[in-house]
Every structure is written in C-alpha cells, then in structure tokens.
Amino acid sequence: MSDKSKDFESLVGELETVVKTLEEGDPKIEKDLKRYERGKQLIRLCRQRLEESERRIEILTERGEVRAAPGSLDAAGVDEPSQ
C-alpha cells in the first residue's frame, strides 16, 4: 500500500512503531538511520494530511457555505449538499 493511500491513523501507527524501535536501540546504525528517515517522512505526511483536513473544515464552516476546495482538496470531493 502506498503512503498516499494510507489513512492518517495508519501513518501515525507506523510512526509510533518507528519511534518505539528507535528508542529500544539497534546496534546497527544503518538501520537506525533508515528508520529515522522513514519517521521524518511519516511526520511530513501526517502534517500534510492534518493541514488538508483543517482547510477542508475551514471551507465547510466558513459562513455555513460549502465551496469548492482549493488545490489537492478538489479531488477529496467536497460536494454541494443536496436540497
């Protein structure tokens, strides 16, 4: 499964596993460096997901109106409510 298709909770779960493994220590520095790099990548992905969610909430709550989302959020499908 690619990172883009993982949900936020899955990304955070993987990040927690990386952090726990790093805290336990591994005598092989190469493995720790790869885990650290993966952790940094997961943090960026989680921040991106949170920022996208915040923008979506702002769009949905601003004056009670629903508008088309900017940028990558258009693909997320902010639809007009049916009346």
C-alpha atoms as a PDB file:
ATOM      1  CA  MET A   1       0.000   0.000   0.000  1.00  0.00           C
ATOM      2  CA  SER A   2       1.448   3.382  -0.944  1.00  0.00           C
ATOM      3  CA  ASP A   3       1.714   6.180   1.611  1.00  0.00           C
ATOM      4  CA  LYS A   4      -0.794   8.301  -0.318  1.00  0.00           C
ATOM      5  CA  SER A   5      -3.479   5.657   0.052  1.00  0.00           C
ATOM      6  CA  LYS A   6      -2.893   5.134   3.793  1.00  0.00           C
ATOM      7  CA  ASP A   7      -5.194   6.908   6.201  1.00  0.00           C
ATOM      8  CA  PHE A   8      -3.918   9.229   8.920  1.00  0.00           C
ATOM      9  CA  GLU A   9      -4.288   6.633  11.663  1.00  0.00           C
ATOM     10  CA  SER A  10      -2.188   4.106   9.734  1.00  0.00           C
ATOM     11  CA  LEU A  11       0.560   6.668   9.205  1.00  0.00           C
ATOM     12  CA  VAL A  12       0.585   7.581  12.899  1.00  0.00           C
ATOM     13  CA  GLY A  13       0.631   3.898  13.869  1.00  0.00           C
ATOM     14  CA  GLU A  14       3.653   3.266  11.670  1.00  0.00           C
ATOM     15  CA  LEU A  15       5.349   6.364  13.080  1.00  0.00           C
ATOM     16  CA  GLU A  16       4.762   5.110  16.635  1.00  0.00           C
ATOM     17  CA  THR A  17       6.350   1.770  15.692  1.00  0.00           C
ATOM     18  CA  VAL A  18       9.381   3.547  14.212  1.00  0.00           C
ATOM     19  CA  VAL A  19       9.812   5.688  17.332  1.00  0.00           C
ATOM     20  CA  LYS A  20       9.488   2.688  19.657  1.00  0.00           C
ATOM     21  CA  THR A  21      12.055   0.725  17.663  1.00  0.00           C
ATOM     22  CA  LEU A  22      14.473   3.671  17.699  1.00  0.00           C
ATOM     23  CA  GLU A  23      14.031   4.059  21.463  1.00  0.00           C
ATOM     24  CA  GLU A  24      14.858   0.386  22.008  1.00  0.00           C
ATOM     25  CA  GLY A  25      18.103   0.872  20.124  1.00  0.00           C
ATOM     26  CA  ASP A  26      19.749  -1.239  17.473  1.00  0.00           C
ATOM     27  CA  PRO A  27      23.484  -1.819  17.345  1.00  0.00           C
ATOM     28  CA  LYS A  28      23.421  -1.250  13.576  1.00  0.00           C
ATOM     29  CA  ILE A  29      23.482   2.476  12.883  1.00  0.00           C
ATOM     30  CA  GLU A  30      22.411   1.961   9.249  1.00  0.00           C
ATOM     31  CA  LYS A  31      19.080   0.512  10.333  1.00  0.00           C
ATOM     32  CA  ASP A  32      18.507   3.344  12.783  1.00  0.00           C
ATOM     33  CA  LEU A  33      19.262   5.927  10.102  1.00  0.00           C
ATOM     34  CA  LYS A  34      16.749   4.326   7.731  1.00  0.00           C
ATOM     35  CA  ARG A  35      14.138   4.237  10.493  1.00  0.00           C
ATOM     36  CA  TYR A  36      14.831   7.870  11.339  1.00  0.00           C
ATOM     37  CA  GLU A  37      14.451   8.879   7.687  1.00  0.00           C
ATOM     38  CA  ARG A  38      11.181   6.943   7.483  1.00  0.00           C
ATOM     39  CA  GLY A  39       9.978   8.642  10.661  1.00  0.00           C
ATOM     40  CA  LYS A  40      10.697  12.084   9.204  1.00  0.00           C
ATOM     41  CA  GLN A  41       8.815  11.119   6.031  1.00  0.00           C
ATOM     42  CA  LEU A  42       5.826   9.930   8.087  1.00  0.00           C
ATOM     43  CA  ILE A  43       5.798  13.175  10.086  1.00  0.00           C
ATOM     44  CA  ARG A  44       5.654  15.200   6.851  1.00  0.00           C
ATOM     45  CA  LEU A  45       2.804  13.047   5.537  1.00  0.00           C
ATOM     46  CA  CYS A  46       0.846  13.365   8.787  1.00  0.00           C
ATOM     47  CA  ARG A  47       1.280  17.145   8.819  1.00  0.00           C
ATOM     48  CA  GLN A  48       0.126  17.325   5.229  1.00  0.00           C
ATOM     49  CA  ARG A  49      -2.995  15.276   5.997  1.00  0.00           C
ATOM     50  CA  LEU A  50      -3.792  17.441   9.026  1.00  0.00           C
ATOM     51  CA  GLU A  51      -3.357  20.666   7.035  1.00  0.00           C
ATOM     52  CA  GLU A  52      -5.627  19.357   4.280  1.00  0.00           C
ATOM     53  CA  SER A  53      -8.250  18.394   6.858  1.00  0.00           C
ATOM     54  CA  GLU A  54      -8.035  21.816   8.502  1.00  0.00           C
ATOM     55  CA  ARG A  55      -8.519  23.552   5.148  1.00  0.00           C
ATOM     56  CA  ARG A  56     -11.497  21.346   4.416  1.00  0.00           C
ATOM     57  CA  ILE A  57     -13.081  22.177   7.762  1.00  0.00           C
ATOM     58  CA  GLU A  58     -12.481  25.898   7.189  1.00  0.00           C
ATOM     59  CA  ILE A  59     -14.149  25.681   3.793  1.00  0.00           C
ATOM     60  CA  LEU A  60     -17.139  23.803   5.205  1.00  0.00           C
ATOM     61  CA  THR A  61     -17.671  26.047   8.218  1.00  0.00           C
ATOM     62  CA  GLU A  62     -16.977  29.500   6.815  1.00  0.00           C
ATOM     63  CA  ARG A  63     -20.349  31.311   6.883  1.00  0.00           C
ATOM     64  CA  GLY A  64     -22.084  27.974   6.622  1.00  0.00           C
ATOM     65  CA  GLU A  65     -21.351  27.828   2.915  1.00  0.00           C
ATOM     66  CA  VAL A  66     -19.825  24.944   1.033  1.00  0.00           C
ATOM     67  CA  ARG A  67     -17.389  25.986  -1.673  1.00  0.00           C
ATOM     68  CA  ALA A  68     -15.040  24.158  -3.999  1.00  0.00           C
ATOM     69  CA  ALA A  69     -11.831  23.234  -2.202  1.00  0.00           C
ATOM     70  CA  PRO A  70      -8.540  24.723  -3.360  1.00  0.00           C
ATOM     71  CA  GLY A  71      -5.738  22.654  -4.839  1.00  0.00           C
ATOM     72  CA  SER A  72      -5.480  18.988  -3.980  1.00  0.00           C
ATOM     73  CA  LEU A  73      -8.655  19.065  -1.932  1.00  0.00           C
ATOM     74  CA  ASP A  74     -10.778  19.193  -5.089  1.00  0.00           C
ATOM     75  CA  ALA A  75     -10.009  15.510  -5.564  1.00  0.00           C
ATOM     76  CA  ALA A  76     -11.181  14.791  -1.997  1.00  0.00           C
ATOM     77  CA  GLY A  77     -14.717  15.544  -3.096  1.00  0.00           C
ATOM     78  CA  VAL A  78     -16.233  18.463  -1.235  1.00  0.00           C
ATOM     79  CA  ASP A  79     -19.717  18.266  -2.672  1.00  0.00           C
ATOM     80  CA  GLU A  80     -22.575  20.700  -2.503  1.00  0.00           C
ATOM     81  CA  PRO A  81     -25.303  19.419  -0.193  1.00  0.00           C
ATOM     82  CA  SER A  82     -28.447  18.261  -1.931  1.00  0.00           C
ATOM     83  CA  GLN A  83     -31.558  20.303  -1.193  1.00  0.00           C
END
